[in-house]
C-alpha atoms as a PDB file:
ATOM      1  CA  LEU A   1       0.000   0.000   0.000  1.00  0.00           C
ATOM      2  CA  SER A   2       2.749   2.433   0.922  1.00  0.00           C
ATOM      3  CA  THR A   3       4.714   1.617  -2.253  1.00  0.00           C
ATOM      4  CA  VAL A   4       1.717   2.409  -4.449  1.00  0.00           C
ATOM      5  CA  ARG A   5       0.895   5.585  -2.542  1.00  0.00           C
ATOM      6  CA  ASN A   6       4.472   6.837  -2.849  1.00  0.00           C
ATOM      7  CA  TYR A   7       4.465   6.090  -6.577  1.00  0.00           C
ATOM      8  CA  ASP A   8       1.139   7.870  -7.106  1.00  0.00           C
ATOM      9  CA  ALA A   9       2.312  10.872  -5.055  1.00  0.00           C
ATOM     10  CA  GLN A  10       5.354  11.338  -7.293  1.00  0.00           C
ATOM     11  CA  THR A  11       3.421  11.235 -10.580  1.00  0.00           C
ATOM     12  CA  ILE A  12       0.758  13.442 -12.085  1.00  0.00           C
ATOM     13  CA  SER A  13      -2.734  12.082 -11.588  1.00  0.00           C
ATOM     14  CA  PRO A  14      -4.829  11.771 -14.778  1.00  0.00           C
ATOM     15  CA  ILE A  15      -8.062  12.437 -12.893  1.00  0.00           C
ATOM     16  CA  LYS A  16      -9.847  15.762 -13.212  1.00  0.00           C
ATOM     17  CA  SER A  17     -12.326  17.170 -10.733  1.00  0.00           C
ATOM     18  CA  GLU A  18     -15.039  17.487 -13.402  1.00  0.00           C
ATOM     19  CA  ASP A  19     -14.776  13.797 -14.387  1.00  0.00           C
ATOM     20  CA  SER A  20     -17.810  11.617 -13.736  1.00  0.00           C
ATOM     21  CA  SER A  21     -17.568   8.668 -11.370  1.00  0.00           C
ATOM     22  CA  LYS A  22     -17.272   6.192 -14.239  1.00  0.00           C
ATOM     23  CA  GLU A  23     -14.631   8.315 -15.984  1.00  0.00           C
ATOM     24  CA  LYS A  24     -12.589   8.415 -12.785  1.00  0.00           C
ATOM     25  CA  MET A  25     -12.763   4.640 -12.433  1.00  0.00           C
ATOM     26  CA  GLU A  26     -11.727   4.165 -16.073  1.00  0.00           C
ATOM     27  CA  LYS A  27      -8.747   6.486 -15.668  1.00  0.00           C
ATOM     28  CA  ILE A  28      -7.607   4.936 -12.388  1.00  0.00           C
ATOM     29  CA  PHE A  29      -7.755   1.441 -13.851  1.00  0.00           C
ATOM     30  CA  LYS A  30      -5.764   2.470 -16.921  1.00  0.00           C
ATOM     31  CA  TRP A  31      -3.389   4.388 -14.670  1.00  0.00           C
ATOM     32  CA  CYS A  32      -2.635   1.226 -12.700  1.00  0.00           C
ATOM     33  CA  PHE A  33      -2.476  -1.325 -15.491  1.00  0.00           C
ATOM     34  CA  LYS A  34      -1.251   0.546 -18.572  1.00  0.00           C
ATOM     35  CA  GLN A  35       2.035   1.629 -16.991  1.00  0.00           C
ATOM     36  CA  ASP A  36       4.725  -1.060 -16.791  1.00  0.00           C
ATOM     37  CA  ALA A  37       6.390   0.748 -13.891  1.00  0.00           C
ATOM     38  CA  HIS A  38       3.264   1.014 -11.733  1.00  0.00           C
ATOM     39  CA  PRO A  39       3.526  -1.241  -8.631  1.00  0.00           C
ATOM     40  CA  ILE A  40      -0.008  -2.568  -9.185  1.00  0.00           C
ATOM     41  CA  ASN A  41       0.807  -3.687 -12.717  1.00  0.00           C
ATOM     42  CA  LYS A  42       4.101  -5.227 -11.532  1.00  0.00           C
ATOM     43  CA  THR A  43       2.292  -7.163  -8.800  1.00  0.00           C
ATOM     44  CA  LEU A  44      -0.189  -8.631 -11.264  1.00  0.00           C
ATOM     45  CA  ALA A  45       2.559  -9.519 -13.763  1.00  0.00           C
ATOM     46  CA  GLU A  46       4.593 -11.301 -11.067  1.00  0.00           C
ATOM     47  CA  ALA A  47       1.543 -13.273  -9.922  1.00  0.00           C
ATOM     48  CA  GLN A  48       0.663 -14.289 -13.493  1.00  0.00           C
ATOM     49  CA  TYR A  49       4.265 -15.392 -14.068  1.00  0.00           C
ATOM     50  CA  ASN A  50       4.103 -17.520 -10.919  1.00  0.00           C
ATOM     51  CA  PHE A  51       0.788 -19.134 -11.927  1.00  0.00           C
ATOM     52  CA  PHE A  52       1.965 -19.714 -15.496  1.00  0.00           C
ATOM     53  CA  ASN A  53       5.094 -21.539 -14.312  1.00  0.00           C
ATOM     54  CA  ARG A  54       3.081 -23.748 -11.974  1.00  0.00           C
ATOM     55  CA  LEU A  55       0.591 -24.603 -14.728  1.00  0.00           C
ATOM     56  CA  ASN A  56       3.447 -25.280 -17.113  1.00  0.00           C
ATOM     57  CA  PHE A  57       4.889 -27.724 -14.571  1.00  0.00           C
ATOM     58  CA  ILE A  58       1.522 -29.526 -14.459  1.00  0.00           C
ATOM     59  CA  HIS A  59       1.478 -29.715 -18.276  1.00  0.00           C
ATOM     60  CA  LYS A  60       4.916 -31.351 -18.244  1.00  0.00           C
ATOM     61  CA  LYS A  61       3.753 -33.815 -15.613  1.00  0.00           C
ATOM     62  CA  ILE A  62       0.735 -34.699 -17.762  1.00  0.00           C
ATOM     63  CA  ALA A  63       3.031 -35.340 -20.739  1.00  0.00           C
ATOM     64  CA  GLU A  64       5.623 -37.344 -18.793  1.00  0.00           C
ATOM     65  CA  ALA A  65       3.533 -39.168 -16.180  1.00  0.00           C
ATOM     66  CA  PRO A  66      -0.180 -39.081 -17.102  1.00  0.00           C
ATOM     67  CA  LYS A  67      -0.891 -41.992 -14.751  1.00  0.00           C
ATOM     68  CA  ASP A  68      -0.102 -39.793 -11.725  1.00  0.00           C
ATOM     69  CA  PHE A  69      -3.700 -38.598 -11.912  1.00  0.00           C
ATOM     70  CA  ASP A  70      -4.221 -37.922  -8.189  1.00  0.00           C
ATOM     71  CA  ASP A  71      -1.019 -35.883  -7.959  1.00  0.00           C
ATOM     72  CA  ILE A  72      -1.924 -33.846 -11.045  1.00  0.00           C
ATOM     73  CA  SER A  73      -5.432 -33.232  -9.738  1.00  0.00           C
ATOM     74  CA  CYS A  74      -4.048 -32.092  -6.371  1.00  0.00           C
ATOM     75  CA  LEU A  75      -1.629 -29.661  -8.047  1.00  0.00           C
ATOM     76  CA  GLN A  76      -4.443 -28.225 -10.146  1.00  0.00           C
ATOM     77  CA  THR A  77      -6.653 -27.752  -7.079  1.00  0.00           C
ATOM     78  CA  GLU A  78      -3.853 -25.899  -5.273  1.00  0.00           C
ATOM     79  CA  VAL A  79      -3.074 -23.495  -8.110  1.00  0.00           C
ATOM     80  CA  VAL A  80      -6.782 -22.758  -8.709  1.00  0.00           C
ATOM     81  CA  ALA A  81      -7.245 -22.004  -4.996  1.00  0.00           C
ATOM     82  CA  ASP A  82      -4.212 -19.679  -5.012  1.00  0.00           C
ATOM     83  CA  ILE A  83      -5.415 -17.819  -8.114  1.00  0.00           C
ATOM     84  CA  THR A  84      -8.862 -17.340  -6.577  1.00  0.00           C
ATOM     85  CA  GLN A  85      -7.376 -16.121  -3.284  1.00  0.00           C
ATOM     86  CA  PHE A  86      -5.026 -13.765  -5.103  1.00  0.00           C
ATOM     87  CA  PHE A  87      -7.896 -12.268  -7.094  1.00  0.00           C
ATOM     88  CA  CYS A  88      -9.964 -11.622  -3.948  1.00  0.00           C
ATOM     89  CA  CYS A  89      -7.026 -10.108  -2.021  1.00  0.00           C
ATOM     90  CA  PHE A  90      -5.913  -8.012  -4.991  1.00  0.00           C
ATOM     91  CA  THR A  91      -9.435  -6.624  -5.301  1.00  0.00           C
ATOM     92  CA  ASP A  92      -9.443  -5.653  -1.608  1.00  0.00           C
ATOM     93  CA  VAL A  93      -6.055  -3.922  -1.988  1.00  0.00           C
ATOM     94  CA  LEU A  94      -7.284  -1.822  -4.905  1.00  0.00           C
ATOM     95  CA  CYS A  95     -10.431  -0.876  -2.994  1.00  0.00           C
ATOM     96  CA  ALA A  96      -8.255   0.233  -0.053  1.00  0.00           C
ATOM     97  CA  LEU A  97      -5.971   2.286  -2.307  1.00  0.00           C
ATOM     98  CA  TYR A  98      -8.729   3.890  -4.357  1.00  0.00           C
ATOM     99  CA  PRO A  99     -11.930   4.378  -2.297  1.00  0.00           C
ATOM    100  CA  ILE A 100     -13.991   5.015  -5.436  1.00  0.00           C
ATOM    101  CA  PHE A 101     -13.918   1.236  -5.975  1.00  0.00           C
ATOM    102  CA  SER A 102     -15.379   0.571  -2.517  1.00  0.00           C
ATOM    103  CA  SER A 103     -18.918   1.479  -3.550  1.00  0.00           C
ATOM    104  CA  GLU A 104     -21.198  -1.209  -4.979  1.00  0.00           C
ATOM    105  CA  GLU A 105     -20.937   0.302  -8.452  1.00  0.00           C
ATOM    106  CA  GLY A 106     -17.174   0.680  -8.106  1.00  0.00           C
ATOM    107  CA  ARG A 107     -16.611  -2.912  -6.980  1.00  0.00           C
ATOM    108  CA  VAL A 108     -18.688  -4.264  -9.868  1.00  0.00           C
ATOM    109  CA  PHE A 109     -16.635  -2.185 -12.298  1.00  0.00           C
ATOM    110  CA  LEU A 110     -13.345  -3.236 -10.706  1.00  0.00           C
ATOM    111  CA  THR A 111     -14.009  -6.982 -10.495  1.00  0.00           C
ATOM    112  CA  SER A 112     -15.239  -7.057 -14.093  1.00  0.00           C
ATOM    113  CA  ARG A 113     -12.108  -5.369 -15.463  1.00  0.00           C
ATOM    114  CA  LEU A 114      -9.737  -7.121 -13.084  1.00  0.00           C
ATOM    115  CA  SER A 115     -11.156 -10.538 -13.934  1.00  0.00           C
ATOM    116  CA  GLU A 116     -10.330 -10.063 -17.608  1.00  0.00           C
ATOM    117  CA  ALA A 117      -6.861  -8.663 -16.853  1.00  0.00           C
ATOM    118  CA  THR A 118      -5.965 -11.439 -14.386  1.00  0.00           C
ATOM    119  CA  TYR A 119      -7.191 -14.523 -16.223  1.00  0.00           C
ATOM    120  CA  LYS A 120      -6.586 -13.669 -19.882  1.00  0.00           C
ATOM    121  CA  PRO A 121      -2.945 -14.916 -20.045  1.00  0.00           C
ATOM    122  CA  ILE A 122      -3.561 -18.081 -17.992  1.00  0.00           C
ATOM    123  CA  TYR A 123      -7.143 -19.185 -18.650  1.00  0.00           C
ATOM    124  CA  LYS A 124      -6.314 -21.430 -21.612  1.00  0.00           C
ATOM    125  CA  HIS A 125      -3.688 -23.258 -19.549  1.00  0.00           C
ATOM    126  CA  LEU A 126      -6.206 -23.766 -16.733  1.00  0.00           C
ATOM    127  CA  MET A 127      -8.675 -25.187 -19.249  1.00  0.00           C
ATOM    128  CA  ASP A 128      -6.115 -27.577 -20.727  1.00  0.00           C
ATOM    129  CA  VAL A 129      -5.369 -29.061 -17.308  1.00  0.00           C
ATOM    130  CA  ASN A 130      -9.068 -29.276 -16.514  1.00  0.00           C
ATOM    131  CA  CYS A 131      -9.716 -31.102 -19.817  1.00  0.00           C
ATOM    132  CA  PHE A 132      -7.150 -33.739 -18.824  1.00  0.00           C
ATOM    133  CA  ILE A 133      -8.710 -34.214 -15.383  1.00  0.00           C
ATOM    134  CA  LYS A 134     -12.266 -34.419 -16.748  1.00  0.00           C
ATOM    135  CA  ASP A 135     -11.320 -36.388 -19.867  1.00  0.00           C
ATOM    136  CA  ASP A 136     -13.566 -39.347 -19.013  1.00  0.00           C
ATOM    137  CA  GLU A 137     -16.714 -37.238 -18.631  1.00  0.00           C
ATOM    138  CA  LEU A 138     -15.748 -35.136 -21.642  1.00  0.00           C
ATOM    139  CA  SER A 139     -15.604 -38.207 -23.887  1.00  0.00           C
ATOM    140  CA  TYR A 140     -19.157 -39.185 -22.905  1.00  0.00           C
ATOM    141  CA  PHE A 141     -20.413 -35.633 -23.375  1.00  0.00           C
ATOM    142  CA  LYS A 142     -18.852 -35.477 -26.857  1.00  0.00           C
ATOM    143  CA  ARG A 143     -20.486 -38.774 -27.775  1.00  0.00           C
ATOM    144  CA  TYR A 144     -23.848 -37.533 -26.524  1.00  0.00           C
ATOM    145  CA  LEU A 145     -23.587 -34.351 -28.621  1.00  0.00           C
ATOM    146  CA  GLU A 146     -22.573 -36.305 -31.721  1.00  0.00           C
ATOM    147  CA  ARG A 147     -25.660 -38.502 -31.412  1.00  0.00           C
ATOM    148  CA  ASN A 148     -28.231 -35.874 -30.453  1.00  0.00           C
ATOM    149  CA  SER A 149     -27.255 -32.417 -31.777  1.00  0.00           C
ATOM    150  CA  ILE A 150     -29.129 -32.948 -35.077  1.00  0.00           C
ATOM    151  CA  LYS A 151     -32.418 -33.830 -33.358  1.00  0.00           C
ATOM    152  CA  THR A 152     -35.407 -31.500 -33.534  1.00  0.00           C
ATOM    153  CA  ILE A 153     -36.987 -30.181 -30.362  1.00  0.00           C
ATOM    154  CA  SER A 154     -39.949 -32.569 -30.668  1.00  0.00           C
ATOM    155  CA  GLU A 155     -37.537 -35.511 -30.379  1.00  0.00           C
ATOM    156  CA  PHE A 156     -36.365 -34.466 -26.907  1.00  0.00           C
ATOM    157  CA  THR A 157     -38.047 -36.115 -23.955  1.00  0.00           C
ATOM    158  CA  GLY A 158     -40.005 -34.005 -21.493  1.00  0.00           C
ATOM    159  CA  ILE A 159     -40.519 -30.810 -23.526  1.00  0.00           C
ATOM    160  CA  LYS A 160     -44.168 -29.836 -23.808  1.00  0.00           C
ATOM    161  CA  GLU A 161     -45.439 -28.872 -27.237  1.00  0.00           C
ATOM    162  CA  LYS A 162     -46.291 -25.340 -26.113  1.00  0.00           C
ATOM    163  CA  TYR A 163     -42.545 -24.754 -25.621  1.00  0.00           C
ATOM    164  CA  TYR A 164     -41.490 -25.847 -29.145  1.00  0.00           C
ATOM    165  CA  LEU A 165     -41.603 -22.186 -30.312  1.00  0.00           C
ATOM    166  CA  GLY A 166     -41.552 -22.721 -34.074  1.00  0.00           C
ATOM    167  CA  GLU A 167     -38.423 -22.811 -36.223  1.00  0.00           C
ATOM    168  CA  ASN A 168     -34.946 -22.674 -34.654  1.00  0.00           C
ATOM    169  CA  PRO A 169     -36.208 -22.157 -31.077  1.00  0.00           C
ATOM    170  CA  TYR A 170     -34.045 -20.745 -28.271  1.00  0.00           C
ATOM    171  CA  HIS A 171     -31.214 -19.804 -30.637  1.00  0.00           C
ATOM    172  CA  GLU A 172     -30.542 -16.669 -28.562  1.00  0.00           C
ATOM    173  CA  ALA A 173     -29.840 -18.879 -25.536  1.00  0.00           C
ATOM    174  CA  CYS A 174     -27.489 -21.009 -27.669  1.00  0.00           C
ATOM    175  CA  ASP A 175     -25.609 -17.851 -28.668  1.00  0.00           C
ATOM    176  CA  LEU A 176     -25.052 -16.941 -25.014  1.00  0.00           C
ATOM    177  CA  LEU A 177     -23.413 -20.307 -24.364  1.00  0.00           C
ATOM    178  CA  LYS A 178     -21.109 -19.726 -27.332  1.00  0.00           C
ATOM    179  CA  GLN A 179     -20.147 -16.326 -25.928  1.00  0.00           C
ATOM    180  CA  LEU A 180     -19.462 -17.973 -22.570  1.00  0.00           C
ATOM    181  CA  VAL A 181     -16.768 -20.300 -23.935  1.00  0.00           C
ATOM    182  CA  GLU A 182     -15.181 -17.476 -25.953  1.00  0.00           C
ATOM    183  CA  SER A 183     -14.650 -15.200 -22.933  1.00  0.00           C
ATOM    184  CA  THR A 184     -11.587 -15.497 -20.672  1.00  0.00           C
ATOM    185  CA  SER A 185     -13.155 -13.550 -17.798  1.00  0.00           C
ATOM    186  CA  PRO A 186     -14.821 -15.660 -15.077  1.00  0.00           C
ATOM    187  CA  ILE A 187     -16.922 -12.661 -14.023  1.00  0.00           C
ATOM    188  CA  ARG A 188     -18.209 -12.254 -17.586  1.00  0.00           C
ATOM    189  CA  LYS A 189     -18.910 -15.986 -17.787  1.00  0.00           C
ATOM    190  CA  LEU A 190     -21.035 -15.787 -14.631  1.00  0.00           C
ATOM    191  CA  GLU A 191     -22.976 -12.887 -16.127  1.00  0.00           C
ATOM    192  CA  LEU A 192     -23.610 -14.912 -19.285  1.00  0.00           C
ATOM    193  CA  ILE A 193     -24.760 -17.945 -17.261  1.00  0.00           C
ATOM    194  CA  LEU A 194     -27.314 -15.756 -15.483  1.00  0.00           C
ATOM    195  CA  MET A 195     -28.427 -14.259 -18.805  1.00  0.00           C
ATOM    196  CA  PHE A 196     -28.710 -17.769 -20.246  1.00  0.00           C
ATOM    197  CA  GLY A 197     -31.194 -18.784 -17.557  1.00  0.00           C
ATOM    198  CA  LYS A 198     -33.297 -15.678 -18.129  1.00  0.00           C
ATOM    199  CA  GLN A 199     -33.071 -15.883 -21.928  1.00  0.00           C
ATOM    200  CA  ILE A 200     -35.067 -19.108 -22.101  1.00  0.00           C
ATOM    201  CA  SER A 201     -38.033 -17.373 -20.450  1.00  0.00           C
ATOM    202  CA  LEU A 202     -37.568 -14.358 -22.734  1.00  0.00           C
ATOM    203  CA  CYS A 203     -37.650 -16.624 -25.791  1.00  0.00           C
ATOM    204  CA  ILE A 204     -40.982 -18.063 -24.663  1.00  0.00           C
ATOM    205  CA  ARG A 205     -42.434 -14.633 -23.935  1.00  0.00           C
ATOM    206  CA  ASP A 206     -41.250 -13.088 -27.210  1.00  0.00           C
ATOM    207  CA  TYR A 207     -42.520 -16.018 -29.268  1.00  0.00           C
ATOM    208  CA  TYR A 208     -46.066 -15.784 -27.954  1.00  0.00           C
ATOM    209  CA  PHE A 209     -46.179 -11.983 -27.904  1.00  0.00           C
ATOM    210  CA  LYS A 210     -44.706 -11.476 -31.392  1.00  0.00           C
ATOM    211  CA  THR A 211     -46.251 -14.413 -33.252  1.00  0.00           C
ATOM    212  CA  GLN A 212     -49.629 -14.844 -31.557  1.00  0.00           C
ATOM    213  CA  SER A 213     -51.737 -11.756 -32.269  1.00  0.00           C
ATOM    214  CA  GLU A 214     -54.392 -12.741 -29.746  1.00  0.00           C
ATOM    215  CA  VAL A 215     -51.876 -12.972 -26.889  1.00  0.00           C
ATOM    216  CA  SER A 216     -51.208  -9.785 -24.911  1.00  0.00           C
ATOM    217  CA  GLU A 217     -47.811  -8.908 -23.479  1.00  0.00           C
ATOM    218  CA  GLU A 218     -49.076  -9.697 -19.988  1.00  0.00           C
ATOM    219  CA  GLU A 219     -50.343 -13.118 -21.099  1.00  0.00           C
ATOM    220  CA  ALA A 220     -47.058 -13.830 -22.880  1.00  0.00           C
ATOM    221  CA  SER A 221     -45.127 -12.954 -19.724  1.00  0.00           C
ATOM    222  CA  GLU A 222     -47.368 -15.315 -17.769  1.00  0.00           C
ATOM    223  CA  LYS A 223     -46.644 -18.142 -20.214  1.00  0.00           C
ATOM    224  CA  ALA A 224     -42.913 -17.476 -19.753  1.00  0.00           C
ATOM    225  CA  LYS A 225     -43.104 -18.256 -16.018  1.00  0.00           C
ATOM    226  CA  ILE A 226     -41.764 -21.769 -16.307  1.00  0.00           C
ATOM    227  CA  GLY A 227     -41.172 -24.224 -13.476  1.00  0.00           C
ATOM    228  CA  GLY A 228     -38.092 -26.315 -12.872  1.00  0.00           C
ATOM    229  CA  ASP A 229     -39.636 -29.537 -14.234  1.00  0.00           C
ATOM    230  CA  ASP A 230     -40.395 -27.833 -17.555  1.00  0.00           C
ATOM    231  CA  LEU A 231     -37.170 -25.824 -17.632  1.00  0.00           C
ATOM    232  CA  ALA A 232     -34.707 -28.716 -17.215  1.00  0.00           C
ATOM    233  CA  PRO A 233     -35.526 -30.523 -20.506  1.00  0.00           C
ATOM    234  CA  ILE A 234     -35.394 -27.197 -22.380  1.00  0.00           C
ATOM    235  CA  VAL A 235     -31.929 -26.542 -20.928  1.00  0.00           C
ATOM    236  CA  VAL A 236     -30.907 -30.013 -22.147  1.00  0.00           C
ATOM    237  CA  TYR A 237     -32.177 -29.129 -25.625  1.00  0.00           C
ATOM    238  CA  VAL A 238     -30.356 -25.772 -25.723  1.00  0.00           C
ATOM    239  CA  ILE A 239     -27.082 -27.267 -24.472  1.00  0.00           C
ATOM    240  CA  THR A 240     -27.368 -30.040 -27.058  1.00  0.00           C
ATOM    241  CA  LYS A 241     -28.137 -27.698 -29.962  1.00  0.00           C
ATOM    242  CA  ALA A 242     -25.300 -25.349 -28.948  1.00  0.00           C
ATOM    243  CA  ASN A 243     -23.046 -28.403 -29.467  1.00  0.00           C
ATOM    244  CA  ILE A 244     -20.035 -27.163 -27.464  1.00  0.00           C
ATOM    245  CA  PRO A 245     -18.114 -30.133 -25.992  1.00  0.00           C
ATOM    246  CA  ARG A 246     -15.816 -27.930 -23.876  1.00  0.00           C
ATOM    247  CA  LEU A 247     -18.873 -26.436 -22.129  1.00  0.00           C
ATOM    248  CA  LEU A 248     -18.561 -29.263 -19.609  1.00  0.00           C
ATOM    249  CA  ASN A 249     -15.022 -28.186 -18.691  1.00  0.00           C
ATOM    250  CA  GLU A 250     -15.995 -24.519 -18.660  1.00  0.00           C
ATOM    251  CA  LEU A 251     -18.703 -25.175 -16.086  1.00  0.00           C
ATOM    252  CA  TYR A 252     -16.432 -27.288 -13.879  1.00  0.00           C
ATOM    253  CA  LEU A 253     -13.593 -24.756 -13.981  1.00  0.00           C
ATOM    254  CA  LEU A 254     -15.936 -21.835 -13.403  1.00  0.00           C
ATOM    255  CA  THR A 255     -17.326 -23.608 -10.336  1.00  0.00           C
ATOM    256  CA  ASP A 256     -13.790 -24.075  -9.000  1.00  0.00           C
ATOM    257  CA  ILE A 257     -12.580 -20.487  -9.505  1.00  0.00           C
ATOM    258  CA  THR A 258     -15.738 -18.679  -8.389  1.00  0.00           C
ATOM    259  CA  PRO A 259     -15.444 -17.446  -4.766  1.00  0.00           C
ATOM    260  CA  ASP A 260     -17.893 -18.980  -2.292  1.00  0.00           C
ATOM    261  CA  SER A 261     -19.465 -15.563  -1.699  1.00  0.00           C
ATOM    262  CA  ASP A 262     -20.516 -15.413  -5.368  1.00  0.00           C
ATOM    263  CA  MET A 263     -21.793 -18.994  -5.446  1.00  0.00           C
ATOM    264  CA  ILE A 264     -24.630 -18.221  -3.026  1.00  0.00           C
ATOM    265  CA  GLY A 265     -26.201 -15.649  -5.375  1.00  0.00           C
ATOM    266  CA  SER A 266     -28.329 -16.033  -8.491  1.00  0.00           C
ATOM    267  CA  GLU A 267     -25.239 -16.467 -10.696  1.00  0.00           C
ATOM    268  CA  GLY A 268     -24.039 -19.389  -8.572  1.00  0.00           C
ATOM    269  CA  TYR A 269     -27.499 -20.968  -8.639  1.00  0.00           C
ATOM    270  CA  CYS A 270     -27.681 -20.779 -12.451  1.00  0.00           C
ATOM    271  CA  LEU A 271     -24.133 -22.127 -12.755  1.00  0.00           C
ATOM    272  CA  LEU A 272     -24.776 -25.151 -10.522  1.00  0.00           C
ATOM    273  CA  THR A 273     -28.149 -25.844 -12.165  1.00  0.00           C
ATOM    274  CA  THR A 274     -26.595 -25.833 -15.639  1.00  0.00           C
ATOM    275  CA  LEU A 275     -23.723 -28.037 -14.477  1.00  0.00           C
ATOM    276  CA  MET A 276     -26.163 -30.518 -12.909  1.00  0.00           C
ATOM    277  CA  VAL A 277     -28.050 -30.776 -16.221  1.00  0.00           C
ATOM    278  CA  VAL A 278     -24.816 -31.541 -18.095  1.00  0.00           C
ATOM    279  CA  GLN A 279     -23.773 -34.076 -15.438  1.00  0.00           C
ATOM    280  CA  THR A 280     -27.153 -35.805 -15.800  1.00  0.00           C
ATOM    281  CA  VAL A 281     -26.691 -36.028 -19.573  1.00  0.00           C
ATOM    282  CA  VAL A 282     -23.192 -37.487 -19.084  1.00  0.00           C
ATOM    283  CA  ALA A 283     -24.478 -40.042 -16.548  1.00  0.00           C
ATOM    284  CA  GLU A 284     -27.266 -41.152 -18.897  1.00  0.00           C
ATOM    285  CA  GLU A 285     -24.810 -41.449 -21.793  1.00  0.00           C
ATOM    286  CA  ARG A 286     -22.456 -43.493 -19.636  1.00  0.00           C
ATOM    287  CA  ALA A 287     -25.328 -45.812 -18.684  1.00  0.00           C
ATOM    288  CA  THR A 288     -25.969 -46.660 -22.359  1.00  0.00           C
ATOM    289  CA  GLU A 289     -22.484 -48.154 -22.701  1.00  0.00           C
ATOM    290  CA  PRO A 290     -22.204 -51.893 -21.992  1.00  0.00           C
ATOM    291  CA  GLY A 291     -20.019 -52.705 -18.993  1.00  0.00           C
ATOM    292  CA  PRO A 292     -16.796 -54.713 -19.369  1.00  0.00           C
ATOM    293  CA  GLY A 293     -18.494 -57.977 -18.386  1.00  0.00           C
ATOM    294  CA  LYS A 294     -21.842 -57.552 -20.101  1.00  0.00           C
ATOM    295  CA  ASP A 295     -20.760 -58.874 -23.505  1.00  0.00           C
ATOM    296  CA  GLN A 296     -19.240 -61.971 -21.907  1.00  0.00           C
ATOM    297  CA  ASP A 297     -22.411 -62.572 -19.904  1.00  0.00           C
ATOM    298  CA  GLN A 298     -24.516 -62.310 -23.057  1.00  0.00           C
ATOM    299  CA  ASP A 299     -22.272 -64.838 -24.845  1.00  0.00           C
ATOM    300  CA  GLN A 300     -22.484 -67.227 -21.901  1.00  0.00           C
ATOM    301  CA  ASN A 301     -26.283 -66.948 -21.837  1.00  0.00           C
ATOM    302  CA  GLN A 302     -26.438 -67.676 -25.565  1.00  0.00           C
ATOM    303  CA  ASP A 303     -24.219 -70.768 -25.094  1.00  0.00           C
ATOM    304  CA  GLN A 304     -26.467 -71.985 -22.253  1.00  0.00           C
ATOM    305  CA  ASP A 305     -29.567 -71.522 -24.420  1.00  0.00           C
ATOM    306  CA  GLN A 306     -27.947 -73.521 -27.218  1.00  0.00           C
ATOM    307  CA  ASP A 307     -27.021 -76.327 -24.781  1.00  0.00           C
ATOM    308  CA  GLN A 308     -30.609 -76.431 -23.501  1.00  0.00           C
ATOM    309  CA  ASP A 309     -31.933 -76.644 -27.063  1.00  0.00           C
ATOM    310  CA  GLN A 310     -29.570 -79.565 -27.813  1.00  0.00           C
ATOM    311  CA  ASP A 311     -30.686 -81.382 -24.635  1.00  0.00           C
ATOM    312  CA  GLN A 312     -34.342 -80.963 -25.614  1.00  0.00           C
ATOM    313  CA  ASP A 313     -33.616 -82.359 -29.089  1.00  0.00           C
ATOM    314  CA  GLN A 314     -31.879 -85.406 -27.582  1.00  0.00           C
ATOM    315  CA  ASP A 315     -34.825 -86.017 -25.233  1.00  0.00           C
ATOM    316  CA  GLN A 316     -37.245 -85.871 -28.165  1.00  0.00           C
ATOM    317  CA  ASP A 317     -35.100 -88.393 -30.119  1.00  0.00           C
ATOM    318  CA  GLN A 318     -35.089 -90.786 -27.161  1.00  0.00           C
ATOM    319  CA  ASP A 319     -38.883 -90.527 -26.809  1.00  0.00           C
ATOM    320  CA  GLN A 320     -39.327 -91.302 -30.484  1.00  0.00           C
END
């Protein structure tokens, strides 16, 4: 804190008294992170370098000793926990240095920008490690998408006809999932998850209000109030039509790096609900695969049936 304050005291502040609150926040953020010599920027760069080296070590371990799964998983858990803790502490430091970020509006602005700045250089490496750890589930999810992504909405179990919504339904919700995997900011991903949950209801409302002339806006909004039992199969449909295999890993990683304080809100609820839907799909896909002993059991049963048929034929010959 003292290092940053001394640095700021010796340089000319870019902030003007007539600047709006948002303009001040923009200038302070650029002031801290656009100058290589600024202590805040140096601190972030050093932390990213540390995290990158640790992730790189995990990548080497995956390449050299992939069977050390438990050790690799433990290392990944540790680095994810340290990144999350660093992000929370770094946010608190910036709020202490620049009180404008302490307000609700200021903290939202800060965490959004800081999330992008912190995770952008390392997010891909986090995802690669996560893909290795979740490889088994990922393979089943890929197989599920390959088999079902071309289906029409009427072919999905549990979706009522009133929620079919004509041609190419819920494509706006699919687009939000695609934006989610393209972003490198966990905060932005959480925002998109929350928007995804709301977008399904908006699709229902807009369909009835814009295509059914006899339906008022109030009636359309009433139709869009959908319960969990009706929502879950629609979420399955949207996830399937979006056809993004890495969505599974995105949801797992996002769950790991989201602070507990954020998981108890609406964003955390939508995240866990979406993850549970994907996990259910993976479990059902896994259940369709014959177990290692099932084929042998079937062959043995066939052999027993053939033996019984031969015995019956011999008995008939003796009777004759």
